[in-house]
Amino acid sequence: MTHNKSRRTTRRRIHRGRAMGCLVVLFVIIALIISLITSCVSKKHSDDDVITQPANAQTQQTEVTTEEDDGKFIVCLDPGHGGSDPGSNYGERLEKDDNLRYALAVAEELKKREGINVIMTRINDNVPDADNFDSAARGKIANDAGADLFLALHRNCAEDTSGNGVEVWIKKNPPIVDQVLGYNLIKYLSAVGIQSNRGVNSGFRTDEQDNFTIMDSINMSGCLLELGFISNDEDNRLFDENMQKYAVAIADVIEYIYISYYK
């Protein structure tokens, strides 16, 4: 009888020992879970505290301005002509107005692109006298701002109103960036819809060994874009109807150049 009682007492101690062991393991597991949760929460708060860029960074780095923005990829948009210089005309339609319209549309689209700052040689029609606001003066704005890329934005014109299409002009013996810029502008604009592709040309219209004056005035990569003929009704229709799509296409190419060659 005494022997049986002793055995029952031993079994109880073993069961209690096992129960205590299980409780210890359970507490350890709970402690580990709590520790992991705390660690995750702490890390989340730590990550939330890191500011990768200001909340208004997009506005800051793409504001249309004539001031340099250090540390950003700077694009200079040059809406051709302006003020007392109307450029070409077709009836009451003036090239200087069309150039400004699509330059401003491109600038607005670039505001949506991170890391790109836009400067413009003019943002309205209030410009100095044409004699004092020539290609050299426009180029100086881009050069002084330390621009990385330059686009002279124009429209074409011809006495023969059947002339149509889009063309790009780059410097003679152009660097690869200029060539990629030109060919992609034609490609992207063609995808939107143009009458004809007049290609990417180097030098000057009448002399391949020379450059457009504006191209000689800049010390960075760039091109001169002729976005259709102001003297052609169909080109004007496409220009008016596709203005926003053209602006997006041009901005897409600029962003591609930035990411591929400068970022």
Protein backbone atom coordinates (compact mmCIF):
# COMPACT_ATOMS: atom_id res chain seq x y z
CA MET A 1 0.00 0.00 0.00
CA THR A 2 2.75 2.41 0.97
CA HIS A 3 4.68 1.38 -2.14
CA ASN A 4 1.69 2.15 -4.44
CA LYS A 5 1.18 5.54 -2.80
CA SER A 6 4.85 6.38 -3.38
CA ARG A 7 4.51 5.48 -7.06
CA ARG A 8 1.42 7.70 -7.44
CA THR A 9 3.27 10.58 -5.80
CA THR A 10 6.19 10.14 -8.21
CA ARG A 11 3.82 10.16 -11.22
CA ARG A 12 2.21 13.40 -10.01
CA ARG A 13 5.63 15.04 -9.73
CA ILE A 14 6.51 13.89 -13.25
CA HIS A 15 3.21 15.27 -14.63
CA ARG A 16 3.72 18.55 -12.80
CA GLY A 17 7.29 18.75 -14.14
CA ARG A 18 6.07 18.14 -17.67
CA ALA A 19 3.33 20.75 -17.25
CA MET A 20 5.84 23.28 -15.98
CA GLY A 21 8.11 22.49 -18.92
CA CYS A 22 5.27 23.07 -21.37
CA LEU A 23 4.41 26.37 -19.70
CA VAL A 24 8.03 27.50 -19.94
CA VAL A 25 8.13 26.63 -23.65
CA LEU A 26 4.82 28.43 -24.17
CA PHE A 27 6.09 31.56 -22.40
CA VAL A 28 9.27 31.49 -24.52
CA ILE A 29 7.22 31.25 -27.73
CA ILE A 30 4.95 34.12 -26.62
CA ALA A 31 8.00 36.22 -25.71
CA LEU A 32 9.52 35.59 -29.15
CA ILE A 33 6.28 36.56 -30.90
CA ILE A 34 6.04 39.78 -28.86
CA SER A 35 9.68 40.55 -29.64
CA LEU A 36 9.13 40.07 -33.37
CA ILE A 37 6.02 42.26 -33.38
CA THR A 38 7.83 45.00 -31.48
CA SER A 39 10.76 44.82 -33.87
CA CYS A 40 8.51 45.14 -36.92
CA VAL A 41 6.60 48.08 -35.47
CA SER A 42 9.85 49.78 -34.53
CA LYS A 43 11.24 49.27 -38.03
CA LYS A 44 8.07 50.67 -39.60
CA HIS A 45 8.30 53.81 -37.49
CA SER A 46 11.98 54.12 -38.36
CA ASP A 47 11.22 53.82 -42.09
CA ASP A 48 8.40 56.35 -41.82
CA ASP A 49 10.79 58.83 -40.25
CA VAL A 50 13.15 58.72 -43.27
CA ILE A 51 12.35 61.58 -45.70
CA THR A 52 13.55 60.57 -49.17
CA GLN A 53 12.41 63.85 -50.77
CA PRO A 54 10.30 66.86 -49.81
CA ALA A 55 6.56 66.51 -50.23
CA ASN A 56 6.63 69.27 -52.83
CA ALA A 57 9.82 68.05 -54.56
CA GLN A 58 8.05 67.56 -57.87
CA THR A 59 6.96 71.19 -57.97
CA GLN A 60 10.33 72.43 -56.82
CA GLN A 61 12.39 70.57 -59.36
CA THR A 62 10.19 71.23 -62.41
CA GLU A 63 9.10 74.79 -61.86
CA VAL A 64 9.26 76.80 -65.08
CA THR A 65 11.97 79.30 -64.36
CA THR A 66 15.10 80.91 -65.71
CA GLU A 67 17.11 80.13 -62.58
CA GLU A 68 19.49 77.21 -62.20
CA ASP A 69 18.38 74.39 -59.89
CA ASP A 70 21.56 72.72 -58.60
CA GLY A 71 21.67 68.97 -58.55
CA LYS A 72 18.86 68.42 -61.06
CA PHE A 73 18.80 67.50 -64.73
CA ILE A 74 18.12 70.82 -66.42
CA VAL A 75 16.24 71.08 -69.70
CA CYS A 76 16.04 74.39 -71.52
CA LEU A 77 13.01 74.85 -73.79
CA ASP A 78 13.36 77.64 -76.33
CA PRO A 79 10.04 78.68 -77.94
CA GLY A 80 11.33 80.27 -81.14
CA HIS A 81 10.80 83.94 -82.01
CA GLY A 82 8.55 86.12 -79.84
CA GLY A 83 7.82 89.78 -79.20
CA SER A 84 8.36 91.85 -82.34
CA ASP A 85 9.62 88.74 -84.17
CA PRO A 86 6.57 86.71 -85.24
CA GLY A 87 8.51 84.06 -87.10
CA SER A 88 6.50 82.59 -89.98
CA ASN A 89 2.81 83.23 -90.42
CA TYR A 90 -0.18 81.73 -92.18
CA GLY A 91 -2.88 84.35 -92.37
CA GLU A 92 -3.36 85.54 -88.80
CA ARG A 93 -1.70 82.45 -87.38
CA LEU A 94 1.77 83.34 -86.05
CA GLU A 95 4.57 80.86 -85.50
CA LYS A 96 5.73 82.59 -82.31
CA ASP A 97 2.33 81.84 -80.72
CA ASP A 98 2.31 78.17 -81.74
CA ASN A 99 5.88 77.74 -80.52
CA LEU A 100 5.00 79.15 -77.12
CA ARG A 101 1.82 77.09 -76.86
CA TYR A 102 3.52 73.77 -77.28
CA ALA A 103 6.60 74.75 -75.29
CA LEU A 104 4.41 75.56 -72.29
CA ALA A 105 2.52 72.29 -72.76
CA VAL A 106 5.81 70.35 -72.73
CA ALA A 107 6.96 72.23 -69.62
CA GLU A 108 3.72 71.40 -67.81
CA GLU A 109 4.08 67.74 -68.74
CA LEU A 110 7.67 67.70 -67.48
CA LYS A 111 6.44 68.87 -64.08
CA LYS A 112 5.18 65.31 -63.63
CA ARG A 113 8.64 63.81 -64.21
CA GLU A 114 10.82 63.34 -61.15
CA GLY A 115 14.35 64.75 -61.21
CA ILE A 116 13.88 67.12 -64.15
CA ASN A 117 14.04 70.89 -63.88
CA VAL A 118 12.76 73.06 -66.73
CA ILE A 119 13.94 76.49 -67.74
CA MET A 120 12.55 78.49 -70.65
CA THR A 121 14.01 81.30 -72.71
CA ARG A 122 10.57 82.95 -72.58
CA ILE A 123 7.29 82.10 -70.87
CA ASN A 124 5.15 84.73 -72.61
CA ASP A 125 5.33 87.17 -75.52
CA ASN A 126 6.91 89.96 -73.48
CA VAL A 127 10.47 89.60 -74.73
CA PRO A 128 13.20 92.15 -75.44
CA ASP A 129 13.56 93.65 -78.88
CA ALA A 130 14.21 90.90 -81.43
CA ASP A 131 17.62 92.34 -82.28
CA ASN A 132 18.70 91.93 -78.66
CA PHE A 133 17.01 88.58 -78.12
CA ASP A 134 18.76 86.64 -80.84
CA SER A 135 20.08 83.09 -80.83
CA ALA A 136 23.18 84.12 -78.88
CA ALA A 137 21.04 85.60 -76.10
CA ARG A 138 18.83 82.51 -75.96
CA GLY A 139 21.83 80.21 -75.91
CA LYS A 140 23.38 82.26 -73.12
CA ILE A 141 20.32 81.61 -70.91
CA ALA A 142 20.84 77.87 -71.28
CA ASN A 143 24.62 78.06 -70.89
CA ASP A 144 24.50 80.28 -67.80
CA ALA A 145 21.97 77.97 -66.15
CA GLY A 146 24.18 74.94 -66.74
CA ALA A 147 21.48 73.22 -68.78
CA ASP A 148 22.05 69.58 -69.74
CA LEU A 149 19.70 69.50 -72.71
CA PHE A 150 18.33 72.15 -75.09
CA LEU A 151 15.30 72.04 -77.37
CA ALA A 152 14.56 74.86 -79.80
CA LEU A 153 10.85 74.52 -80.56
CA HIS A 154 9.63 75.81 -83.91
CA ARG A 155 7.20 75.23 -86.74
CA ASN A 156 8.12 75.04 -90.40
CA CYS A 157 6.84 77.08 -93.32
CA ALA A 158 6.95 76.96 -97.12
CA GLU A 159 5.59 78.96 -100.05
CA ASP A 160 4.23 75.69 -101.41
CA THR A 161 1.40 74.91 -99.00
CA SER A 162 1.63 71.21 -99.80
CA GLY A 163 4.86 71.02 -97.79
CA ASN A 164 4.22 69.08 -94.58
CA GLY A 165 5.66 66.92 -91.86
CA VAL A 166 7.96 66.94 -88.86
CA GLU A 167 11.74 67.22 -88.91
CA VAL A 168 14.57 67.55 -86.41
CA TRP A 169 17.89 69.33 -86.82
CA ILE A 170 21.00 68.49 -84.81
CA LYS A 171 24.58 69.74 -84.92
CA LYS A 172 27.01 68.57 -87.56
CA ASN A 173 29.15 65.68 -86.27
CA PRO A 174 26.62 65.23 -83.44
CA PRO A 175 27.34 63.28 -80.26
CA ILE A 176 25.31 60.13 -79.67
CA VAL A 177 22.93 61.87 -77.24
CA ASP A 178 21.87 64.36 -79.93
CA GLN A 179 21.25 61.58 -82.41
CA VAL A 180 19.20 59.51 -79.95
CA LEU A 181 17.25 62.63 -78.99
CA GLY A 182 16.42 63.44 -82.61
CA TYR A 183 15.47 59.96 -83.75
CA ASN A 184 13.30 59.33 -80.71
CA LEU A 185 11.47 62.63 -81.14
CA ILE A 186 10.56 61.58 -84.67
CA LYS A 187 9.61 58.10 -83.49
CA TYR A 188 7.40 59.22 -80.60
CA LEU A 189 5.71 62.03 -82.54
CA SER A 190 5.06 59.67 -85.46
CA ALA A 191 3.31 57.32 -83.04
CA VAL A 192 0.96 60.15 -82.07
CA GLY A 193 0.25 60.98 -85.71
CA ILE A 194 1.98 63.24 -88.23
CA GLN A 195 1.55 63.73 -91.98
CA SER A 196 5.10 62.79 -92.88
CA ASN A 197 8.49 62.04 -91.36
CA ARG A 198 11.08 64.44 -92.77
CA GLY A 199 13.81 62.80 -90.71
CA VAL A 200 16.69 63.87 -88.51
CA ASN A 201 19.12 66.18 -90.28
CA SER A 202 22.51 67.51 -89.24
CA GLY A 203 24.08 70.85 -90.00
CA PHE A 204 22.08 73.53 -91.79
CA ARG A 205 19.44 73.42 -94.53
CA THR A 206 21.69 74.75 -97.27
CA ASP A 207 25.07 73.65 -95.90
CA GLU A 208 25.77 70.39 -94.10
CA GLN A 209 29.08 71.84 -92.91
CA ASP A 210 27.34 74.60 -90.96
CA ASN A 211 24.84 74.66 -88.06
CA PHE A 212 21.74 76.63 -87.23
CA THR A 213 22.87 79.66 -85.26
CA ILE A 214 20.99 78.53 -82.16
CA MET A 215 22.81 75.18 -82.24
CA ASP A 216 26.17 76.99 -82.37
CA SER A 217 25.11 79.14 -79.41
CA ILE A 218 24.74 76.29 -76.90
CA ASN A 219 27.40 74.19 -75.17
CA MET A 220 25.19 71.18 -74.35
CA SER A 221 23.34 68.49 -76.29
CA GLY A 222 20.21 69.59 -78.08
CA CYS A 223 18.19 69.91 -81.26
CA LEU A 224 15.82 72.10 -83.20
CA LEU A 225 12.36 70.60 -83.64
CA GLU A 226 10.07 71.71 -86.50
CA LEU A 227 6.63 70.47 -85.45
CA GLY A 228 4.75 70.54 -88.74
CA PHE A 229 4.23 73.30 -91.31
CA ILE A 230 2.27 76.37 -90.26
CA SER A 231 1.57 76.87 -93.98
CA ASN A 232 -0.26 73.53 -94.29
CA ASP A 233 -3.87 73.15 -93.18
CA GLU A 234 -3.63 69.48 -92.29
CA ASP A 235 -0.46 69.99 -90.24
CA ASN A 236 -2.25 72.80 -88.40
CA ARG A 237 -5.23 70.55 -87.71
CA LEU A 238 -2.96 67.84 -86.34
CA PHE A 239 -1.05 70.40 -84.28
CA ASP A 240 -4.23 71.76 -82.67
CA GLU A 241 -5.91 68.40 -82.08
CA ASN A 242 -2.81 66.56 -80.85
CA MET A 243 -1.19 69.34 -78.84
CA GLN A 244 -1.32 67.52 -75.51
CA LYS A 245 -0.29 64.18 -77.02
CA TYR A 246 2.66 65.84 -78.75
CA ALA A 247 3.67 67.44 -75.44
CA VAL A 248 3.57 64.06 -73.68
CA ALA A 249 5.62 62.46 -76.46
CA ILE A 250 8.31 65.16 -76.29
CA ALA A 251 8.42 64.93 -72.48
CA ASP A 252 8.71 61.14 -72.72
CA VAL A 253 11.76 61.48 -74.96
CA ILE A 254 13.37 64.02 -72.64
CA GLU A 255 12.80 61.73 -69.67
CA TYR A 256 14.26 58.81 -71.63
CA ILE A 257 17.42 60.84 -72.41
CA TYR A 258 17.71 61.83 -68.73
CA ILE A 259 17.38 58.28 -67.44
CA SER A 260 19.59 56.72 -70.13
CA TYR A 261 22.47 59.22 -70.22
CA TYR A 262 22.41 61.51 -67.19
CA LYS A 263 20.83 59.82 -64.18
